């Protein structure tokens, strides 16, 4: 896979997580999750600029690749439209607009939640891989992404290590959220 293709894949993955987070922020009226969507949007803009620069260089270096550059540009624009829609959804939450009654009804029917938790230096999670602790088995929360400084790790696997300062974005049953957050912030000392 070329560098350009991997950047396009990262753009797609980021927009997908933005949509999930935006809907969750709306359903649960959660500004913390909505703010994460805005953060991701900023990262996406920067990545989109890099994709455009590399696509232009590709077209200039090899005129036979111009058709490929056009396809990449169209894909990028479509993905950015999706990401923009996710940001608009999150904006509704950030503006504090009243919750719609239909959304309130759907929340009552939802059996999962999405939450964020920061890994503290004294957390039992710090320095451990997902495979070592079987987090989803222990508390039911499945980490869908890790924010490490300005970088994101989407769909972390069993070999990914959690570090102090990481923001874990997890999905799971509401009853597992408290234990998950306690593990991350160091309140809960045992798995």
Protein backbone atom coordinates (compact mmCIF):
# COMPACT_ATOMS: atom_id res chain seq x y z
CA UNK A 1 0.00 0.00 0.00
CA UNK A 2 1.38 3.40 -0.96
CA UNK A 3 1.73 6.26 1.52
CA UNK A 4 -1.10 8.06 -0.29
CA UNK A 5 -3.39 5.05 0.03
CA UNK A 6 -2.60 4.63 3.73
CA UNK A 7 -3.39 8.32 4.35
CA UNK A 8 -6.70 7.90 2.51
CA UNK A 9 -7.50 4.85 4.65
CA UNK A 10 -6.70 6.83 7.80
CA UNK A 11 -9.00 9.60 6.55
CA UNK A 12 -11.82 7.06 6.07
CA UNK A 13 -11.25 5.43 9.48
CA UNK A 14 -11.23 8.81 11.20
CA UNK A 15 -14.48 9.89 9.56
CA UNK A 16 -16.12 6.61 10.61
CA UNK A 17 -15.18 7.09 14.26
CA UNK A 18 -16.35 10.71 14.03
CA UNK A 19 -19.81 9.56 12.91
CA UNK A 20 -20.01 7.03 15.77
CA UNK A 21 -18.89 9.58 18.32
CA UNK A 22 -21.15 12.33 16.96
CA UNK A 23 -24.26 10.16 17.20
CA UNK A 24 -23.24 9.01 20.67
CA UNK A 25 -22.66 12.57 21.83
CA UNK A 26 -26.14 13.46 20.58
CA UNK A 27 -27.86 10.41 22.05
CA UNK A 28 -26.24 10.83 25.45
CA UNK A 29 -26.00 14.64 25.36
CA UNK A 30 -22.28 14.27 26.11
CA UNK A 31 -20.16 17.34 25.41
CA UNK A 32 -16.90 15.50 26.14
CA UNK A 33 -17.56 13.12 23.26
CA UNK A 34 -18.74 16.00 21.05
CA UNK A 35 -15.46 17.83 21.73
CA UNK A 36 -13.57 14.71 20.64
CA UNK A 37 -15.37 14.92 17.28
CA UNK A 38 -14.16 18.50 16.87
CA UNK A 39 -10.59 17.45 17.75
CA UNK A 40 -10.74 14.67 15.18
CA UNK A 41 -12.03 17.14 12.61
CA UNK A 42 -8.96 19.31 13.05
CA UNK A 43 -6.71 16.30 12.54
CA UNK A 44 -8.70 15.35 9.45
CA UNK A 45 -8.23 18.77 7.86
CA UNK A 46 -4.46 18.48 8.25
CA UNK A 47 -4.45 14.96 6.83
CA UNK A 48 -6.64 16.04 3.88
CA UNK A 49 -4.12 18.76 3.03
CA UNK A 50 -1.29 16.19 3.02
CA UNK A 51 -3.33 13.93 0.74
CA UNK A 52 -3.96 16.79 -1.68
CA UNK A 53 -0.28 17.73 -1.75
CA UNK A 54 0.82 14.15 -2.39
CA UNK A 55 -1.88 13.60 -5.04
CA UNK A 56 -0.78 16.74 -6.90
CA UNK A 57 2.85 15.59 -6.76
CA UNK A 58 1.81 12.19 -8.09
CA UNK A 59 -0.06 13.76 -11.01
CA UNK A 60 2.83 16.07 -11.83
CA UNK A 61 5.42 13.29 -11.66
CA UNK A 62 3.43 10.87 -13.77
CA UNK A 63 0.71 12.31 -16.04
CA UNK A 64 -0.61 8.76 -16.59
CA UNK A 65 -1.75 8.80 -12.94
CA UNK A 66 -4.01 11.85 -13.38
CA UNK A 67 -7.13 9.65 -13.47
CA UNK A 68 -6.04 8.07 -10.18
CA UNK A 69 -5.52 11.54 -8.69
CA UNK A 70 -9.05 12.54 -9.71
CA UNK A 71 -10.51 9.44 -8.02
CA UNK A 72 -8.48 10.11 -4.86
CA UNK A 73 -9.66 13.73 -4.83
CA UNK A 74 -13.30 12.67 -5.19
CA UNK A 75 -12.97 10.09 -2.41
CA UNK A 76 -11.30 12.63 -0.17
CA UNK A 77 -14.05 15.19 -0.78
CA UNK A 78 -16.76 12.63 -0.03
CA UNK A 79 -15.07 11.51 3.16
CA UNK A 80 -14.65 15.13 4.25
CA UNK A 81 -18.37 15.71 3.63
CA UNK A 82 -19.18 12.81 5.96
CA UNK A 83 -16.78 14.15 8.58
CA UNK A 84 -18.32 17.61 8.25
CA UNK A 85 -21.78 16.16 8.87
CA UNK A 86 -20.47 14.43 12.01
CA UNK A 87 -19.04 17.73 13.21
CA UNK A 88 -22.41 19.43 12.63
CA UNK A 89 -24.10 16.75 14.76
CA UNK A 90 -21.56 17.30 17.54
CA UNK A 91 -22.10 21.05 17.28
CA UNK A 92 -25.74 20.55 18.27
CA UNK A 93 -24.54 19.06 21.55
CA UNK A 94 -21.84 21.68 22.10
CA UNK A 95 -24.37 24.48 21.63
CA UNK A 96 -26.52 22.92 24.36
CA UNK A 97 -29.61 22.66 22.21
CA UNK A 98 -32.54 20.87 23.80
CA UNK A 99 -32.70 17.13 23.44
CA UNK A 100 -35.29 15.97 20.92
CA UNK A 101 -38.00 13.68 22.38
CA UNK A 102 -37.37 11.02 19.71
CA UNK A 103 -33.73 10.87 20.76
CA UNK A 104 -34.75 10.52 24.40
CA UNK A 105 -36.91 7.51 23.47
CA UNK A 106 -34.04 5.89 21.59
CA UNK A 107 -31.73 6.37 24.57
CA UNK A 108 -34.11 4.38 26.74
CA UNK A 109 -33.85 1.54 24.25
CA UNK A 110 -30.06 1.69 23.91
CA UNK A 111 -28.14 -0.88 25.89
CA UNK A 112 -24.68 0.43 25.04
CA UNK A 113 -22.82 3.62 25.66
CA UNK A 114 -19.64 5.29 24.44
CA UNK A 115 -17.32 6.97 26.89
CA UNK A 116 -13.83 8.43 27.22
CA UNK A 117 -11.38 7.63 29.99
CA UNK A 118 -7.87 8.95 30.59
CA UNK A 119 -5.24 6.44 31.72
CA UNK A 120 -3.59 7.70 34.90
CA UNK A 121 0.09 6.96 35.67
CA UNK A 122 -0.97 4.74 38.60
CA UNK A 123 -3.68 2.92 36.63
CA UNK A 124 -3.49 -0.88 36.40
CA UNK A 125 -3.98 -0.35 32.65
CA UNK A 126 -0.83 1.77 32.17
CA UNK A 127 1.89 -0.17 30.40
CA UNK A 128 -0.35 -3.17 29.71
CA UNK A 129 -1.50 -4.53 26.35
CA UNK A 130 -5.13 -5.31 25.65
CA UNK A 131 -4.17 -8.97 25.34
CA UNK A 132 -2.63 -8.97 28.83
CA UNK A 133 -5.70 -7.63 30.58
CA UNK A 134 -8.68 -8.79 28.47
CA UNK A 135 -10.45 -5.51 29.22
CA UNK A 136 -13.58 -6.23 27.20
CA UNK A 137 -14.04 -9.55 29.00
CA UNK A 138 -13.55 -8.01 32.45
CA UNK A 139 -15.84 -4.99 32.21
CA UNK A 140 -17.64 -5.33 28.89
CA UNK A 141 -16.15 -2.13 27.50
CA UNK A 142 -14.48 -2.47 24.10
CA UNK A 143 -11.88 0.20 23.26
CA UNK A 144 -12.53 1.43 19.71
CA UNK A 145 -9.78 4.06 19.64
CA UNK A 146 -6.90 5.51 21.64
CA UNK A 147 -5.92 9.15 21.51
CA UNK A 148 -2.23 9.51 22.31
CA UNK A 149 -1.28 13.18 22.29
CA UNK A 150 -2.49 14.28 18.84
CA UNK A 151 -2.39 10.81 17.28
CA UNK A 152 -5.16 8.23 17.16
CA UNK A 153 -4.97 4.46 17.11
CA UNK A 154 -8.19 3.10 15.63
CA UNK A 155 -9.37 -0.41 16.44
CA UNK A 156 -6.48 -1.24 18.77
CA UNK A 157 -5.64 -4.94 18.92
CA UNK A 158 -4.41 -7.28 21.61
CA UNK A 159 -0.79 -6.17 21.11
CA UNK A 160 -1.47 -2.45 21.53
CA UNK A 161 -0.14 -1.10 24.82
CA UNK A 162 -1.98 1.52 26.89
CA UNK A 163 0.17 4.33 28.23
CA UNK A 164 -0.34 6.90 30.96
CA UNK A 165 -2.03 9.94 29.42
CA UNK A 166 -3.85 7.94 26.73
CA UNK A 167 -7.49 8.77 26.20
CA UNK A 168 -9.40 5.53 25.67
CA UNK A 169 -12.61 5.74 23.65
CA UNK A 170 -14.74 2.73 24.50
CA UNK A 171 -18.15 1.26 23.70
CA UNK A 172 -20.06 -1.17 25.88
CA UNK A 173 -22.85 -1.71 28.39
CA UNK A 174 -23.74 1.19 30.65
CA UNK A 175 -23.13 -0.96 33.72
CA UNK A 176 -19.48 -1.46 32.69
CA UNK A 177 -18.69 2.24 32.24
CA UNK A 178 -18.03 3.06 35.90
CA UNK A 179 -15.64 0.15 36.46
CA UNK A 180 -13.86 0.95 33.17
CA UNK A 181 -13.34 4.60 34.16
CA UNK A 182 -12.20 3.57 37.65
CA UNK A 183 -9.61 1.21 36.13
CA UNK A 184 -8.34 3.99 33.84
CA UNK A 185 -8.12 6.74 36.47
CA UNK A 186 -6.48 4.48 39.07
CA UNK A 187 -9.40 4.39 41.50
CA UNK A 188 -9.83 0.64 40.96
CA UNK A 189 -6.52 -1.10 41.69
CA UNK A 190 -7.43 -4.68 40.68
CA UNK A 191 -8.68 -6.20 37.47
